[in-house]
Amino acid sequence: MGIVVYWLEGQGEAAEPVCQCFGSAELTQALACAEDRRRQGHRHVSISTELEDHVGQPGVAAVEGGRTPDGEAYEWSKAGRAGKVRRR
């Protein structure tokens, strides 16, 4: 299970969370499911993923000291990639 679509069924205080699970390669089906739930009038429709082929360790929040949490060097930076910032 790599993708989960969540939504609420019911109204007001009686609304209950419901989900449907999809495999990692079933993004198209998950998106169609989410769109279908929205069209049916369900509230708080959302998609969550935890794909097997993600980049980095699960839970990585930051690169510190130029290294990833597993010790690999991390040299990419956004500075200079988009050109000089224009001042108005």
N, C-alpha and C. Protein backbone atom coordinates (compact mmCIF):
# COMPACT_ATOMS: atom_id res chain seq x y z
N MET A 1 0.86 -1.17 0.00
CA MET A 1 0.00 0.00 0.00
C MET A 1 0.90 1.23 0.00
N GLY A 2 0.87 1.98 -1.09
CA GLY A 2 1.68 3.17 -1.18
C GLY A 2 0.89 4.45 -1.17
N ILE A 3 -0.38 4.39 -1.58
CA ILE A 3 -1.22 5.59 -1.68
C ILE A 3 -2.53 5.32 -0.95
N VAL A 4 -2.97 6.30 -0.16
CA VAL A 4 -4.25 6.18 0.54
C VAL A 4 -5.07 7.43 0.28
N VAL A 5 -6.33 7.25 -0.10
CA VAL A 5 -7.27 8.36 -0.28
C VAL A 5 -8.18 8.37 0.95
N TYR A 6 -8.26 9.52 1.61
CA TYR A 6 -9.09 9.69 2.81
C TYR A 6 -10.23 10.66 2.50
N TRP A 7 -11.39 10.47 3.16
CA TRP A 7 -12.49 11.41 3.06
C TRP A 7 -13.43 11.21 4.24
N LEU A 8 -14.35 12.14 4.44
CA LEU A 8 -15.34 12.03 5.50
C LEU A 8 -16.67 11.61 4.91
N GLU A 9 -17.35 10.71 5.59
CA GLU A 9 -18.71 10.33 5.22
C GLU A 9 -19.62 10.72 6.37
N GLY A 10 -20.78 11.27 6.03
CA GLY A 10 -21.72 11.74 7.04
C GLY A 10 -21.67 13.25 7.15
N GLN A 11 -22.53 13.79 7.98
CA GLN A 11 -22.65 15.24 8.12
C GLN A 11 -22.32 15.69 9.53
N GLY A 12 -21.73 16.86 9.65
CA GLY A 12 -21.48 17.47 10.95
C GLY A 12 -20.71 16.59 11.90
N GLU A 13 -21.19 16.54 13.15
CA GLU A 13 -20.52 15.77 14.20
C GLU A 13 -20.55 14.26 13.93
N ALA A 14 -21.46 13.82 13.09
CA ALA A 14 -21.59 12.39 12.80
C ALA A 14 -20.64 11.93 11.70
N ALA A 15 -19.89 12.85 11.09
CA ALA A 15 -18.98 12.50 10.00
C ALA A 15 -17.89 11.55 10.50
N GLU A 16 -17.62 10.51 9.73
CA GLU A 16 -16.62 9.51 10.08
C GLU A 16 -15.56 9.44 8.98
N PRO A 17 -14.29 9.28 9.34
CA PRO A 17 -13.24 9.15 8.33
C PRO A 17 -13.29 7.77 7.67
N VAL A 18 -13.05 7.76 6.36
CA VAL A 18 -13.04 6.53 5.57
C VAL A 18 -11.82 6.61 4.65
N CYS A 19 -11.28 5.47 4.25
CA CYS A 19 -10.14 5.49 3.33
C CYS A 19 -10.22 4.34 2.34
N GLN A 20 -9.49 4.50 1.25
CA GLN A 20 -9.31 3.44 0.26
C GLN A 20 -7.83 3.39 -0.08
N CYS A 21 -7.26 2.19 -0.11
CA CYS A 21 -5.82 2.01 -0.33
C CYS A 21 -5.52 1.62 -1.77
N PHE A 22 -4.37 2.10 -2.26
CA PHE A 22 -3.91 1.81 -3.61
C PHE A 22 -2.43 1.45 -3.57
N GLY A 23 -1.97 0.71 -4.56
CA GLY A 23 -0.56 0.38 -4.66
C GLY A 23 0.24 1.60 -5.12
N SER A 24 1.54 1.53 -4.99
CA SER A 24 2.42 2.64 -5.35
C SER A 24 2.32 3.03 -6.82
N ALA A 25 1.98 2.10 -7.69
CA ALA A 25 1.89 2.36 -9.12
C ALA A 25 0.48 2.74 -9.57
N GLU A 26 -0.42 2.98 -8.62
CA GLU A 26 -1.82 3.25 -8.96
C GLU A 26 -2.23 4.70 -8.69
N LEU A 27 -1.33 5.63 -9.00
CA LEU A 27 -1.64 7.04 -8.76
C LEU A 27 -2.84 7.50 -9.58
N THR A 28 -2.94 7.09 -10.83
CA THR A 28 -4.07 7.49 -11.67
C THR A 28 -5.39 7.05 -11.05
N GLN A 29 -5.45 5.84 -10.55
CA GLN A 29 -6.67 5.33 -9.93
C GLN A 29 -6.97 6.09 -8.63
N ALA A 30 -5.94 6.40 -7.85
CA ALA A 30 -6.13 7.14 -6.60
C ALA A 30 -6.66 8.54 -6.88
N LEU A 31 -6.11 9.20 -7.89
CA LEU A 31 -6.59 10.54 -8.26
C LEU A 31 -8.04 10.49 -8.73
N ALA A 32 -8.38 9.47 -9.52
CA ALA A 32 -9.77 9.31 -9.98
C ALA A 32 -10.70 9.07 -8.80
N CYS A 33 -10.25 8.29 -7.83
CA CYS A 33 -11.05 8.03 -6.63
C CYS A 33 -11.30 9.32 -5.86
N ALA A 34 -10.24 10.12 -5.67
CA ALA A 34 -10.38 11.39 -4.94
C ALA A 34 -11.33 12.32 -5.67
N GLU A 35 -11.20 12.41 -6.98
CA GLU A 35 -12.10 13.27 -7.76
C GLU A 35 -13.54 12.80 -7.65
N ASP A 36 -13.74 11.48 -7.72
CA ASP A 36 -15.08 10.92 -7.59
C ASP A 36 -15.70 11.24 -6.23
N ARG A 37 -14.91 11.13 -5.15
CA ARG A 37 -15.42 11.44 -3.81
C ARG A 37 -15.82 12.92 -3.70
N ARG A 38 -15.00 13.80 -4.29
CA ARG A 38 -15.32 15.23 -4.26
C ARG A 38 -16.61 15.51 -5.02
N ARG A 39 -16.77 14.87 -6.18
CA ARG A 39 -18.00 15.06 -6.98
C ARG A 39 -19.23 14.54 -6.25
N GLN A 40 -19.05 13.54 -5.41
CA GLN A 40 -20.15 13.00 -4.61
C GLN A 40 -20.50 13.92 -3.44
N GLY A 41 -19.67 14.94 -3.21
CA GLY A 41 -19.94 15.89 -2.13
C GLY A 41 -19.25 15.61 -0.82
N HIS A 42 -18.34 14.63 -0.80
CA HIS A 42 -17.61 14.34 0.44
C HIS A 42 -16.67 15.49 0.78
N ARG A 43 -16.43 15.70 2.06
CA ARG A 43 -15.56 16.77 2.53
C ARG A 43 -14.22 16.21 2.96
N HIS A 44 -13.22 17.06 3.00
CA HIS A 44 -11.86 16.73 3.46
C HIS A 44 -11.28 15.54 2.71
N VAL A 45 -11.40 15.54 1.39
CA VAL A 45 -10.81 14.49 0.57
C VAL A 45 -9.32 14.80 0.44
N SER A 46 -8.48 13.83 0.76
CA SER A 46 -7.03 14.04 0.65
C SER A 46 -6.35 12.74 0.26
N ILE A 47 -5.13 12.91 -0.26
CA ILE A 47 -4.32 11.76 -0.66
C ILE A 47 -3.02 11.79 0.13
N SER A 48 -2.62 10.64 0.63
CA SER A 48 -1.36 10.51 1.35
C SER A 48 -0.54 9.42 0.67
N THR A 49 0.79 9.64 0.58
CA THR A 49 1.64 8.63 -0.06
C THR A 49 2.82 8.26 0.83
N GLU A 50 3.24 7.03 0.71
CA GLU A 50 4.48 6.54 1.31
C GLU A 50 5.03 5.53 0.32
N LEU A 51 5.72 6.06 -0.69
CA LEU A 51 6.18 5.23 -1.79
C LEU A 51 7.48 4.52 -1.47
N GLU A 52 7.63 3.30 -1.98
CA GLU A 52 8.81 2.49 -1.69
C GLU A 52 10.08 3.09 -2.27
N ASP A 53 9.97 3.77 -3.41
CA ASP A 53 11.17 4.28 -4.08
C ASP A 53 11.41 5.77 -3.79
N HIS A 54 11.08 6.20 -2.59
CA HIS A 54 11.29 7.60 -2.20
C HIS A 54 12.79 7.91 -2.10
N VAL A 55 13.12 9.17 -2.08
CA VAL A 55 14.51 9.60 -1.98
C VAL A 55 14.85 9.85 -0.52
N GLY A 56 15.91 9.26 -0.03
CA GLY A 56 16.35 9.48 1.35
C GLY A 56 15.63 8.59 2.35
N GLN A 57 16.06 8.73 3.58
CA GLN A 57 15.47 7.93 4.66
C GLN A 57 14.12 8.50 5.06
N PRO A 58 13.17 7.66 5.48
CA PRO A 58 11.90 8.18 5.97
C PRO A 58 12.12 9.10 7.16
N GLY A 59 11.41 10.19 7.18
CA GLY A 59 11.48 11.11 8.31
C GLY A 59 12.59 12.13 8.23
N VAL A 60 13.36 12.17 7.14
CA VAL A 60 14.44 13.15 7.02
C VAL A 60 13.83 14.53 6.87
N ALA A 61 14.23 15.45 7.74
CA ALA A 61 13.67 16.79 7.72
C ALA A 61 14.69 17.84 7.29
N ALA A 62 15.98 17.54 7.35
CA ALA A 62 16.96 18.58 7.07
C ALA A 62 18.31 17.98 6.68
N VAL A 63 19.06 18.79 5.95
CA VAL A 63 20.46 18.50 5.67
C VAL A 63 21.25 19.40 6.60
N GLU A 64 22.13 18.81 7.38
CA GLU A 64 22.89 19.59 8.35
C GLU A 64 24.38 19.44 8.08
N GLY A 65 25.09 20.56 8.07
CA GLY A 65 26.53 20.54 7.85
C GLY A 65 26.92 20.00 6.49
N GLY A 66 26.04 20.17 5.49
CA GLY A 66 26.35 19.70 4.14
C GLY A 66 26.24 18.20 3.96
N ARG A 67 25.61 17.51 4.93
CA ARG A 67 25.46 16.05 4.84
C ARG A 67 24.03 15.64 5.14
N THR A 68 23.59 14.57 4.47
CA THR A 68 22.29 14.00 4.76
C THR A 68 22.40 13.18 6.06
N PRO A 69 21.29 12.80 6.67
CA PRO A 69 21.37 12.04 7.92
C PRO A 69 22.14 10.73 7.82
N ASP A 70 22.24 10.16 6.60
CA ASP A 70 23.02 8.92 6.46
C ASP A 70 24.49 9.19 6.14
N GLY A 71 24.92 10.48 6.18
CA GLY A 71 26.32 10.83 6.01
C GLY A 71 26.75 11.19 4.61
N GLU A 72 25.85 11.09 3.64
CA GLU A 72 26.19 11.42 2.26
C GLU A 72 26.34 12.93 2.09
N ALA A 73 27.31 13.35 1.27
CA ALA A 73 27.51 14.77 0.98
C ALA A 73 26.33 15.29 0.18
N TYR A 74 25.89 16.50 0.51
CA TYR A 74 24.76 17.14 -0.17
C TYR A 74 25.21 18.52 -0.60
N GLU A 75 25.41 18.71 -1.92
CA GLU A 75 26.00 19.94 -2.41
C GLU A 75 25.03 20.84 -3.17
N TRP A 76 23.85 20.37 -3.50
CA TRP A 76 22.90 21.18 -4.27
C TRP A 76 22.43 22.36 -3.45
N SER A 77 22.30 23.52 -4.10
CA SER A 77 21.71 24.67 -3.43
C SER A 77 20.86 25.44 -4.43
N LYS A 78 19.90 26.14 -3.95
CA LYS A 78 19.01 26.91 -4.80
C LYS A 78 19.66 28.23 -5.23
N ALA A 79 20.63 28.70 -4.46
CA ALA A 79 21.28 29.97 -4.75
C ALA A 79 21.89 29.95 -6.15
N GLY A 80 21.57 30.96 -6.93
CA GLY A 80 22.13 31.09 -8.27
C GLY A 80 21.49 30.21 -9.32
N ARG A 81 20.59 29.34 -8.97
CA ARG A 81 19.96 28.45 -9.95
C ARG A 81 18.94 29.18 -10.82
N ALA A 82 18.26 30.15 -10.26
CA ALA A 82 17.21 30.85 -10.99
C ALA A 82 17.66 32.22 -11.49
N GLY A 83 18.89 32.58 -11.28
CA GLY A 83 19.37 33.89 -11.69
C GLY A 83 19.30 34.89 -10.57
N LYS A 84 19.80 36.06 -10.85
CA LYS A 84 19.86 37.11 -9.84
C LYS A 84 18.46 37.63 -9.50
N VAL A 85 18.23 37.88 -8.23
CA VAL A 85 16.94 38.40 -7.76
C VAL A 85 16.82 39.86 -8.20
N ARG A 86 15.70 40.20 -8.80
CA ARG A 86 15.47 41.59 -9.22
C ARG A 86 14.86 42.38 -8.08
N ARG A 87 15.39 43.52 -7.82
CA ARG A 87 14.85 44.40 -6.79
C ARG A 87 13.98 45.44 -7.46
N ARG A 88 12.86 45.79 -6.88
CA ARG A 88 11.95 46.79 -7.45
C ARG A 88 12.01 48.06 -6.70
